[in-house]
Amino acid sequence: MLFIEYPKCSTCIKAKKWLDDNNIRYVDRNIKLDNPTIDELRKWIKLSNLPFRKVFNTSGLLYKEYNLKDKLDYMSDEEKLELLASNGMLVKRPIIVEESFVLFGFKQEEWMAKLLKR
């Protein structure tokens, strides 16, 4: 299992602690040092069944700086993928990547349902 995080993110810290407390093994990847690629994002979004808007880190400084709240509705999916791949800080995190599913953000109930029943 791949765990993608930004180590200074408080939600990522909580999620990592939850994984450790539940003895769930993972490979750690720093999203700032190792941006997701367009191909990875395309695959992950499809596996997550989320709309593009839900994959953006809407509470991040870059999201606000780029005024994406207003711009996303007018962008194509390819433009959104390119933007997300350009800077990992635009991507909602943490991310869990498994072969059959992807989870964006830490929702404990969702993680329990997916990760403790494997």
Protein backbone atom coordinates (compact mmCIF):
# COMPACT_ATOMS: atom_id res chain seq x y z
CA MET A 1 0.00 0.00 0.00
CA LEU A 2 1.25 3.47 -0.85
CA PHE A 3 0.71 6.30 1.66
CA ILE A 4 1.23 9.72 0.09
CA GLU A 5 1.57 12.60 2.49
CA TYR A 6 3.04 15.98 3.20
CA PRO A 7 4.90 15.43 6.51
CA LYS A 8 3.98 18.87 7.92
CA CYS A 9 0.24 18.39 7.26
CA SER A 10 -1.66 17.82 10.51
CA THR A 11 -4.23 15.58 8.80
CA CYS A 12 -1.44 13.48 7.31
CA ILE A 13 0.17 13.15 10.75
CA LYS A 14 -3.17 11.94 12.19
CA ALA A 15 -3.65 9.49 9.32
CA LYS A 16 -0.13 8.10 9.67
CA LYS A 17 -0.66 7.60 13.40
CA TRP A 18 -3.93 5.80 12.67
CA LEU A 19 -2.17 3.49 10.20
CA ASP A 20 0.60 2.77 12.70
CA ASP A 21 -1.86 2.23 15.57
CA ASN A 22 -3.72 -0.29 13.41
CA ASN A 23 -0.52 -2.07 12.34
CA ILE A 24 -1.13 -1.32 8.69
CA ARG A 25 2.03 -1.48 6.63
CA TYR A 26 2.67 1.09 3.93
CA VAL A 27 5.30 2.68 1.75
CA ASP A 28 5.62 6.39 2.52
CA ARG A 29 5.90 9.03 -0.21
CA ASN A 30 6.33 12.76 0.30
CA ILE A 31 4.00 14.53 -2.13
CA LYS A 32 6.10 17.68 -2.17
CA LEU A 33 9.32 15.85 -3.08
CA ASP A 34 7.69 13.33 -5.43
CA ASN A 35 4.72 14.87 -7.27
CA PRO A 36 2.10 12.50 -8.62
CA THR A 37 2.35 12.25 -12.40
CA ILE A 38 -0.51 12.90 -14.81
CA ASP A 39 -0.79 9.15 -15.47
CA GLU A 40 -0.87 8.34 -11.75
CA LEU A 41 -3.50 11.00 -11.09
CA ARG A 42 -5.64 9.85 -14.01
CA LYS A 43 -5.59 6.27 -12.68
CA TRP A 44 -6.11 7.28 -9.03
CA ILE A 45 -9.04 9.58 -9.76
CA LYS A 46 -10.73 6.83 -11.75
CA LEU A 47 -10.18 4.32 -8.90
CA SER A 48 -11.43 6.80 -6.29
CA ASN A 49 -14.72 7.51 -8.12
CA LEU A 50 -14.38 11.14 -7.06
CA PRO A 51 -15.02 14.19 -9.20
CA PHE A 52 -11.90 16.24 -9.99
CA ARG A 53 -12.91 19.02 -7.63
CA LYS A 54 -12.70 16.60 -4.66
CA VAL A 55 -9.06 15.81 -5.48
CA PHE A 56 -7.89 19.39 -5.08
CA ASN A 57 -6.54 20.59 -1.73
CA THR A 58 -9.15 23.33 -1.37
CA SER A 59 -7.74 24.52 1.96
CA GLY A 60 -4.23 24.97 0.56
CA LEU A 61 -2.54 28.29 -0.07
CA LEU A 62 -1.89 27.55 -3.76
CA TYR A 63 -5.55 26.70 -4.38
CA LYS A 64 -6.50 30.11 -3.01
CA GLU A 65 -3.59 31.92 -4.67
CA TYR A 66 -4.54 30.51 -8.09
CA ASN A 67 -8.21 31.35 -7.44
CA LEU A 68 -9.16 27.80 -8.43
CA LYS A 69 -12.58 27.90 -6.81
CA ASP A 70 -13.75 30.03 -9.73
CA LYS A 71 -11.49 28.57 -12.44
CA LEU A 72 -12.04 24.81 -12.08
CA ASP A 73 -15.50 24.87 -13.67
CA TYR A 74 -13.99 26.25 -16.87
CA MET A 75 -11.02 23.90 -17.12
CA SER A 76 -10.92 20.63 -19.06
CA ASP A 77 -10.06 17.40 -17.24
CA GLU A 78 -6.65 17.41 -18.95
CA GLU A 79 -5.97 20.95 -17.75
CA LYS A 80 -6.91 19.91 -14.21
CA LEU A 81 -4.61 16.88 -14.41
CA GLU A 82 -1.73 19.03 -15.66
CA LEU A 83 -2.28 21.52 -12.86
CA LEU A 84 -2.46 18.82 -10.17
CA ALA A 85 0.69 17.16 -11.52
CA SER A 86 2.55 20.48 -11.58
CA ASN A 87 2.59 20.82 -7.79
CA GLY A 88 1.76 18.14 -5.22
CA MET A 89 0.60 20.80 -2.79
CA LEU A 90 -2.52 21.24 -4.95
CA VAL A 91 -3.54 17.62 -4.36
CA LYS A 92 -5.79 16.60 -1.46
CA ARG A 93 -3.88 14.48 0.99
CA PRO A 94 -3.13 12.08 2.48
CA ILE A 95 -3.68 9.54 -0.27
CA ILE A 96 -3.92 5.78 0.09
CA VAL A 97 -3.19 3.88 -3.11
CA GLU A 98 -4.10 0.21 -3.33
CA GLU A 99 -4.47 -1.95 -6.41
CA SER A 100 -8.28 -1.79 -6.39
CA PHE A 101 -9.01 1.56 -4.71
CA VAL A 102 -7.65 5.00 -3.86
CA LEU A 103 -8.62 7.19 -0.90
CA PHE A 104 -8.06 10.96 -0.96
CA GLY A 105 -8.10 12.70 2.42
CA PHE A 106 -8.41 11.11 5.83
CA LYS A 107 -11.92 10.05 6.79
CA GLN A 108 -11.46 7.52 9.59
CA GLU A 109 -14.73 5.65 8.95
CA GLU A 110 -13.91 5.25 5.26
CA TRP A 111 -10.37 4.12 6.04
CA MET A 112 -11.65 1.61 8.61
CA ALA A 113 -14.09 0.15 6.09
CA LYS A 114 -11.47 -0.18 3.35
CA LEU A 115 -8.26 -0.91 5.23
CA LEU A 116 -9.28 -3.03 8.21
CA LYS A 117 -11.31 -5.46 6.11
CA ARG A 118 -8.49 -6.36 3.71
